[in-house]
Amino acid sequence: MRIRRPRPARGPRPADGRRVRWLRRAVVAAVVGATLLTGATAASVRWIRDGAQGHIFAEQDVPEAPVALVLGTKVYPDGTPSPFLAARLEIARRLLTAGKVRAILLSGDNMNPDYDEPGAMRRWLVDNGVPAARVVLDHAGFDTYDSCARAKRVFGVDRATVVTQSFHLPRAVTVCRRLGVDASGVGDETVRRYDRTWRISSTREYGACVKAAVDLLSGRDPVHLGRRETGVQDALRGA
């Protein structure tokens, strides 16, 4: 009777070895990338928050400034400001009524002719008793960086009270201050009742802080810089 000897175990084929090495490298790269991203995010958030320290106030305590800079956000298709935007506008209206500011600069997105944040903001304010002559529009505030840069470089704003939601305020104030605007800030908390939207927007701030840090370090120009405009000075002279 013939006895069969067991065959020796085969080692991994060359192709299998290459796949294992590739997977190992991919895992290492993913871990390193995640670590770097986490570190960059944490550093950016800390930098942004430190930059706004001491410059965020309750509405009744904010120092007087010539201008309130209201940052745009969603407008509904019928031209109605979203609750988040209406809350910002209401704060600006009260600041003007209280004499805390003398003009309001509305900065938002109007890249598409069918979507006009500054126009909707102006209508809301005028409909709620704000004199049209006190309101100035910036149609190229496509993001926070652009709004702050244009406030300084296009509209000649040196000192302002920035108005937005409280989760957005540290970034907005820091960006403005880094771009040469002596900015304080007042944040809205009334729309916290929209819990899901508030939480999503607050979470997005982590990534937005990284973008803000990159924008500030690069010193990029706004998407549309344009010529110097005198709207803010005209509004202040008429106040």
Protein backbone atom coordinates (compact mmCIF):
# COMPACT_ATOMS: atom_id res chain seq x y z
CA MET A 1 0.00 0.00 0.00
CA ARG A 2 1.39 3.36 -1.06
CA ILE A 3 1.55 6.01 1.66
CA ARG A 4 0.99 9.59 0.48
CA ARG A 5 3.10 12.16 2.13
CA PRO A 6 1.42 15.48 3.04
CA ARG A 7 2.28 18.28 0.69
CA PRO A 8 4.24 21.14 2.23
CA ALA A 9 2.16 24.27 2.89
CA ARG A 10 2.49 26.81 0.16
CA GLY A 11 3.61 30.31 1.01
CA PRO A 12 1.64 33.34 -0.14
CA ARG A 13 1.75 34.07 -3.82
CA PRO A 14 3.63 37.22 -4.84
CA ALA A 15 0.38 38.93 -5.77
CA ASP A 16 -1.06 38.20 -2.32
CA GLY A 17 2.03 39.71 -0.70
CA ARG A 18 1.68 42.87 -2.72
CA ARG A 19 -1.96 43.20 -1.71
CA VAL A 20 -1.09 42.76 1.96
CA ARG A 21 1.63 45.42 1.73
CA TRP A 22 -0.74 47.81 -0.07
CA LEU A 23 -3.40 47.30 2.58
CA ARG A 24 -0.92 47.94 5.35
CA ARG A 25 0.25 51.16 3.70
CA ALA A 26 -3.33 52.27 3.13
CA VAL A 27 -4.19 51.68 6.79
CA VAL A 28 -1.10 53.58 7.96
CA ALA A 29 -1.86 56.46 5.58
CA ALA A 30 -5.48 56.59 6.77
CA VAL A 31 -4.42 56.67 10.42
CA VAL A 32 -1.81 59.37 9.79
CA GLY A 33 -4.29 61.40 7.73
CA ALA A 34 -7.01 61.15 10.37
CA THR A 35 -4.52 62.18 13.07
CA LEU A 36 -3.34 65.19 11.09
CA LEU A 37 -6.90 66.24 10.26
CA THR A 38 -7.97 65.95 13.89
CA GLY A 39 -4.96 67.97 15.01
CA ALA A 40 -5.52 70.64 12.36
CA THR A 41 -9.19 70.90 13.29
CA ALA A 42 -8.49 71.20 17.01
CA ALA A 43 -5.77 73.81 16.41
CA SER A 44 -8.00 75.83 14.08
CA VAL A 45 -10.94 75.82 16.47
CA ARG A 46 -8.71 76.89 19.35
CA TRP A 47 -7.16 79.68 17.27
CA ILE A 48 -10.57 80.95 16.17
CA ARG A 49 -12.00 80.89 19.70
CA ASP A 50 -8.95 82.58 21.18
CA GLY A 51 -9.19 85.32 18.56
CA ALA A 52 -12.76 86.15 19.61
CA GLN A 53 -12.05 86.05 23.34
CA GLY A 54 -13.21 89.25 25.00
CA HIS A 55 -15.02 90.50 21.90
CA ILE A 56 -18.35 88.68 22.20
CA PHE A 57 -21.08 90.40 24.17
CA ALA A 58 -24.69 90.17 25.22
CA GLU A 59 -26.83 92.54 23.20
CA GLN A 60 -27.28 95.04 26.04
CA ASP A 61 -23.55 95.09 26.82
CA VAL A 62 -22.00 95.35 23.36
CA PRO A 63 -20.00 98.57 22.83
CA GLU A 64 -21.30 101.12 20.37
CA ALA A 65 -20.00 100.86 16.81
CA PRO A 66 -20.77 102.76 13.64
CA VAL A 67 -21.99 99.70 11.74
CA ALA A 68 -23.73 96.39 12.34
CA LEU A 69 -22.48 93.75 9.90
CA VAL A 70 -25.24 91.18 9.42
CA LEU A 71 -24.07 87.99 7.74
CA GLY A 72 -26.46 86.32 5.33
CA THR A 73 -27.88 82.83 5.40
CA LYS A 74 -30.78 80.94 3.85
CA VAL A 75 -33.64 82.76 2.13
CA TYR A 76 -36.73 80.83 1.05
CA PRO A 77 -37.79 80.74 -2.63
CA ASP A 78 -40.53 83.30 -1.98
CA GLY A 79 -37.92 85.77 -0.72
CA THR A 80 -38.69 85.31 2.97
CA PRO A 81 -35.67 85.15 5.31
CA SER A 82 -35.31 81.85 7.14
CA PRO A 83 -35.82 81.96 10.92
CA PHE A 84 -32.04 81.99 11.42
CA LEU A 85 -31.66 85.02 9.18
CA ALA A 86 -34.72 86.82 10.58
CA ALA A 87 -33.29 86.42 14.09
CA ARG A 88 -30.05 88.11 13.01
CA LEU A 89 -31.98 90.95 11.40
CA GLU A 90 -34.08 91.46 14.52
CA ILE A 91 -30.92 91.91 16.61
CA ALA A 92 -29.57 94.44 14.12
CA ARG A 93 -32.88 96.31 14.17
CA ARG A 94 -32.79 96.52 17.96
CA LEU A 95 -29.16 97.66 17.97
CA LEU A 96 -30.06 100.48 15.59
CA THR A 97 -33.10 101.47 17.64
CA ALA A 98 -31.03 101.50 20.84
CA GLY A 99 -28.36 103.70 19.26
CA LYS A 100 -25.73 100.97 19.50
CA VAL A 101 -25.10 101.27 15.75
CA ARG A 102 -25.95 103.95 13.18
CA ALA A 103 -25.99 101.91 9.96
CA ILE A 104 -26.48 98.28 8.97
CA LEU A 105 -24.39 96.49 6.34
CA LEU A 106 -26.15 93.41 4.96
CA SER A 107 -23.70 90.96 3.41
CA GLY A 108 -24.92 87.86 1.63
CA ASP A 109 -25.07 85.70 -1.46
CA ASN A 110 -26.47 87.08 -4.71
CA MET A 111 -24.38 85.12 -7.20
CA ASN A 112 -27.53 83.70 -8.80
CA PRO A 113 -30.07 86.31 -10.02
CA ASP A 114 -32.87 84.15 -8.61
CA TYR A 115 -31.37 84.10 -5.11
CA ASP A 116 -30.82 87.41 -3.32
CA GLU A 117 -29.99 87.30 0.38
CA PRO A 118 -29.16 91.03 0.80
CA GLY A 119 -32.34 92.11 -1.00
CA ALA A 120 -34.50 89.89 1.19
CA MET A 121 -32.71 91.17 4.29
CA ARG A 122 -33.29 94.78 3.30
CA ARG A 123 -37.01 94.19 2.67
CA TRP A 124 -37.39 92.58 6.09
CA LEU A 125 -35.71 95.49 7.87
CA VAL A 126 -37.63 98.19 6.00
CA ASP A 127 -40.90 96.31 6.57
CA ASN A 128 -40.04 96.31 10.28
CA GLY A 129 -39.45 100.03 10.56
CA VAL A 130 -35.77 100.51 9.72
CA PRO A 131 -35.16 103.58 7.50
CA ALA A 132 -33.95 102.45 4.07
CA ALA A 133 -31.23 105.13 4.16
CA ARG A 134 -29.57 103.35 7.09
CA VAL A 135 -29.27 100.05 5.21
CA VAL A 136 -26.38 99.16 2.87
CA LEU A 137 -26.19 96.03 0.71
CA ASP A 138 -23.19 93.86 -0.08
CA HIS A 139 -24.24 91.42 -2.80
CA ALA A 140 -20.95 89.50 -2.85
CA GLY A 141 -20.71 88.18 0.70
CA PHE A 142 -20.46 84.60 -0.45
CA ASP A 143 -18.97 83.37 2.82
CA THR A 144 -17.82 84.78 6.14
CA TYR A 145 -14.31 85.55 4.90
CA ASP A 146 -15.59 87.42 1.85
CA SER A 147 -18.09 89.41 3.94
CA CYS A 148 -15.42 90.54 6.38
CA ALA A 149 -12.83 91.27 3.69
CA ARG A 150 -15.28 93.28 1.62
CA ALA A 151 -16.54 95.18 4.67
CA LYS A 152 -13.00 96.44 5.15
CA ARG A 153 -11.66 96.73 1.61
CA VAL A 154 -14.77 97.67 -0.36
CA PHE A 155 -16.98 99.48 2.17
CA GLY A 156 -14.24 101.02 4.32
CA VAL A 157 -15.54 99.61 7.62
CA ASP A 158 -12.99 99.94 10.42
CA ARG A 159 -15.19 99.09 13.39
CA ALA A 160 -18.35 96.99 13.47
CA THR A 161 -20.67 94.80 15.51
CA VAL A 162 -21.02 91.44 13.80
CA VAL A 163 -24.44 89.79 14.11
CA THR A 164 -25.04 86.08 13.53
CA GLN A 165 -25.93 82.95 15.52
CA SER A 166 -23.82 82.29 18.60
CA PHE A 167 -22.24 79.10 17.23
CA HIS A 168 -20.97 81.08 14.22
CA LEU A 169 -19.94 84.19 16.10
CA PRO A 170 -16.37 83.30 17.23
CA ARG A 171 -15.37 82.53 13.66
CA ALA A 172 -17.03 85.64 12.26
CA VAL A 173 -15.48 87.95 14.85
CA THR A 174 -12.01 86.44 14.53
CA VAL A 175 -12.03 86.56 10.74
CA CYS A 176 -13.14 90.21 10.75
CA ARG A 177 -10.55 91.18 13.33
CA ARG A 178 -7.75 89.39 11.46
CA LEU A 179 -8.77 91.25 8.30
CA GLY A 180 -8.52 94.66 9.94
CA VAL A 181 -12.03 95.31 11.24
CA ASP A 182 -12.21 96.14 14.96
CA ALA A 183 -15.11 93.77 15.48
CA SER A 184 -17.28 92.89 18.44
CA GLY A 185 -20.10 90.40 18.15
CA VAL A 186 -23.63 89.69 19.31
CA GLY A 187 -24.99 86.17 18.84
CA ASP A 188 -28.55 84.94 18.50
CA GLU A 189 -29.76 82.01 20.61
CA THR A 190 -33.49 82.21 19.92
CA VAL A 191 -33.43 79.69 17.08
CA ARG A 192 -32.06 76.91 19.28
CA ARG A 193 -35.63 75.61 19.17
CA TYR A 194 -34.79 74.31 15.68
CA ASP A 195 -32.71 71.69 17.42
CA ARG A 196 -31.68 69.55 14.45
CA THR A 197 -30.62 72.48 12.26
CA TRP A 198 -28.79 74.08 15.20
CA ARG A 199 -26.85 70.89 15.93
CA ILE A 200 -25.92 70.30 12.29
CA SER A 201 -24.77 73.90 11.85
CA SER A 202 -22.79 73.81 15.10
CA THR A 203 -21.02 70.62 13.98
CA ARG A 204 -20.15 72.14 10.62
CA GLU A 205 -18.33 74.93 12.42
CA TYR A 206 -15.41 72.58 13.07
CA GLY A 207 -14.70 72.22 9.37
CA ALA A 208 -15.49 75.89 8.76
CA CYS A 209 -12.82 76.87 11.30
CA VAL A 210 -10.22 74.92 9.31
CA LYS A 211 -11.29 76.71 6.12
CA ALA A 212 -11.18 80.07 7.90
CA ALA A 213 -7.65 79.38 9.13
CA VAL A 214 -6.54 78.45 5.61
CA ASP A 215 -8.19 81.57 4.16
CA LEU A 216 -6.56 83.85 6.73
CA LEU A 217 -3.13 82.29 6.40
CA SER A 218 -3.29 82.44 2.60
CA GLY A 219 -4.62 86.02 2.61
CA ARG A 220 -6.73 85.29 -0.46
CA ASP A 221 -8.82 87.97 -2.11
CA PRO A 222 -12.62 87.73 -1.93
CA VAL A 223 -14.28 85.99 -4.88
CA HIS A 224 -15.42 89.42 -6.07
CA LEU A 225 -13.43 92.35 -4.72
CA GLY A 226 -14.68 95.17 -6.94
CA ARG A 227 -14.31 98.90 -6.61
CA ARG A 228 -14.56 100.93 -3.42
CA GLU A 229 -18.14 101.82 -2.43
CA THR A 230 -19.30 104.73 -0.28
CA GLY A 231 -22.64 103.31 0.85
CA VAL A 232 -21.65 102.90 4.49
CA GLN A 233 -20.17 106.41 4.72
CA ASP A 234 -23.27 107.85 3.06
CA ALA A 235 -25.53 106.04 5.53
CA LEU A 236 -23.46 107.26 8.49
CA ARG A 237 -23.52 110.87 7.27
CA GLY A 238 -27.30 110.72 7.03
CA ALA A 239 -27.75 109.13 10.46
